[in-house]
Amino acid sequence: MVKTLVVDDDPDVVEAISLILKKEGHQVFQAFSGAEGKEAVKKSNPDLLILDVIMEEPDAGFSLANDLRREGFKKPIILLSSIGKVTGMEFGDDANESPDYFFVDKPIKPQALISKIKEVLA
């Protein structure tokens, strides 16, 4: 069973993603801020981390991801963003993903999220 931590400041988003993941057989842990996410990583030791890019601070998700990488967290990190709604940019399959992070656009499309998860865990 894949242990997945979902971190987003919107409880509705966390719950929606959690339901998708549970249907796929994941054990899901939840956090609602960067600080909570950092603690939850220590407690749950997830196999996969799904983070919103913009939470309590505009770069909270990136900050948390970068902090965790500096501290030795090597598991896949998927970053969620709705920036496409504002800029027209999308992360999709043609995005220039870094080797450290993977991206999924918000609003979340369940099949796109599931596909990305399968890709990063392969």
Protein backbone atom coordinates (compact mmCIF):
# COMPACT_ATOMS: atom_id res chain seq x y z
CA MET A 1 0.00 0.00 0.00
CA VAL A 2 1.39 3.38 -1.03
CA LYS A 3 1.54 5.93 1.78
CA THR A 4 0.66 9.35 0.37
CA LEU A 5 0.68 12.71 2.12
CA VAL A 6 -1.60 15.41 0.68
CA VAL A 7 -0.82 19.02 1.71
CA ASP A 8 -3.14 21.86 0.68
CA ASP A 9 -4.63 24.78 2.59
CA ASP A 10 -8.06 24.07 1.08
CA PRO A 11 -9.74 21.26 3.08
CA ASP A 12 -12.09 20.52 0.16
CA VAL A 13 -9.15 19.89 -2.16
CA VAL A 14 -7.44 17.69 0.42
CA GLU A 15 -10.61 15.66 0.88
CA ALA A 16 -11.25 15.30 -2.86
CA ILE A 17 -7.70 14.12 -3.54
CA SER A 18 -7.85 11.81 -0.53
CA LEU A 19 -10.98 10.13 -1.88
CA ILE A 20 -9.35 9.62 -5.28
CA LEU A 21 -6.26 8.12 -3.67
CA LYS A 22 -8.17 5.86 -1.30
CA LYS A 23 -10.09 4.41 -4.25
CA GLU A 24 -6.69 3.61 -5.78
CA GLY A 25 -5.63 1.79 -2.60
CA HIS A 26 -3.41 4.46 -1.02
CA GLN A 27 -3.05 5.04 2.69
CA VAL A 28 -3.62 8.80 2.89
CA PHE A 29 -2.27 11.32 5.38
CA GLN A 30 -3.41 14.95 5.35
CA ALA A 31 -1.94 18.34 6.25
CA PHE A 32 -3.24 21.86 5.69
CA SER A 33 -0.13 24.07 5.70
CA GLY A 34 3.55 23.90 4.94
CA ALA A 35 4.40 23.59 8.64
CA GLU A 36 1.86 20.80 9.16
CA GLY A 37 3.17 19.11 6.04
CA LYS A 38 6.74 19.13 7.30
CA GLU A 39 5.68 17.51 10.59
CA ALA A 40 3.48 15.00 8.78
CA VAL A 41 6.41 13.91 6.58
CA LYS A 42 8.42 13.14 9.72
CA LYS A 43 5.54 11.21 11.30
CA SER A 44 4.19 9.31 8.28
CA ASN A 45 7.32 8.79 6.13
CA PRO A 46 5.22 8.87 2.92
CA ASP A 47 6.10 7.14 -0.34
CA LEU A 48 4.60 10.07 -2.25
CA LEU A 49 4.01 13.72 -1.41
CA ILE A 50 1.34 15.84 -3.12
CA LEU A 51 1.69 19.57 -2.38
CA ASP A 52 -0.18 22.69 -3.35
CA VAL A 53 2.27 25.30 -4.62
CA ILE A 54 0.47 28.29 -3.08
CA MET A 55 -0.75 27.92 0.49
CA GLU A 56 -0.30 30.27 3.44
CA GLU A 57 2.54 31.97 1.55
CA PRO A 58 2.76 32.34 -2.24
CA ASP A 59 5.65 29.85 -2.45
CA ALA A 60 4.84 27.64 0.56
CA GLY A 61 4.68 24.45 -1.50
CA PHE A 62 7.98 25.11 -3.28
CA SER A 63 9.59 26.09 0.03
CA LEU A 64 8.44 22.90 1.71
CA ALA A 65 9.54 20.75 -1.22
CA ASN A 66 12.96 22.41 -1.33
CA ASP A 67 13.40 22.13 2.46
CA LEU A 68 12.53 18.44 2.36
CA ARG A 69 14.97 17.79 -0.49
CA ARG A 70 17.75 19.57 1.43
CA GLU A 71 16.94 17.37 4.44
CA GLY A 72 17.26 14.21 2.36
CA PHE A 73 13.65 13.38 1.39
CA LYS A 74 14.08 11.41 -1.84
CA LYS A 75 10.52 10.24 -2.56
CA PRO A 76 8.47 11.68 -5.46
CA ILE A 77 6.85 15.09 -4.97
CA ILE A 78 3.89 16.19 -7.09
CA LEU A 79 3.17 19.92 -7.01
CA LEU A 80 -0.36 21.19 -7.65
CA SER A 81 -1.06 24.61 -9.10
CA SER A 82 -3.94 26.62 -10.46
CA ILE A 83 -1.58 29.18 -11.99
CA GLY A 84 -2.87 28.20 -15.42
CA LYS A 85 -6.19 29.86 -14.58
CA VAL A 86 -4.36 33.18 -14.19
CA THR A 87 -1.56 32.91 -16.75
CA GLY A 88 -2.92 30.50 -19.32
CA MET A 89 0.16 28.33 -18.75
CA GLU A 90 -0.37 24.66 -18.04
CA PHE A 91 1.85 22.03 -16.51
CA GLY A 92 0.49 19.04 -18.51
CA ASP A 93 2.55 16.30 -20.14
CA ASP A 94 4.72 18.70 -22.15
CA ALA A 95 5.78 20.71 -19.11
CA ASN A 96 9.45 21.11 -18.34
CA GLU A 97 9.39 19.09 -15.17
CA SER A 98 12.48 19.03 -13.02
CA PRO A 99 13.87 15.66 -11.99
CA ASP A 100 12.93 16.54 -8.41
CA TYR A 101 9.30 17.59 -8.92
CA PHE A 102 6.32 16.67 -11.03
CA PHE A 103 3.36 18.95 -11.76
CA VAL A 104 -0.41 18.59 -12.01
CA ASP A 105 -2.82 21.41 -12.85
CA LYS A 106 -5.72 22.45 -10.65
CA PRO A 107 -8.59 21.98 -10.79
CA ILE A 108 -7.65 18.34 -10.38
CA LYS A 109 -8.80 15.93 -13.04
CA PRO A 110 -8.88 12.53 -11.28
CA GLN A 111 -7.55 10.54 -14.24
CA ALA A 112 -4.71 13.02 -14.85
CA LEU A 113 -3.69 12.79 -11.19
CA ILE A 114 -3.85 8.99 -11.18
CA SER A 115 -1.79 8.82 -14.38
CA LYS A 116 0.85 11.15 -12.97
CA ILE A 117 1.03 9.13 -9.74
CA LYS A 118 1.51 5.88 -11.66
CA GLU A 119 4.21 7.56 -13.75
CA VAL A 120 6.20 8.88 -10.79
CA LEU A 121 5.93 5.66 -8.79
CA ALA A 122 6.97 3.43 -11.72
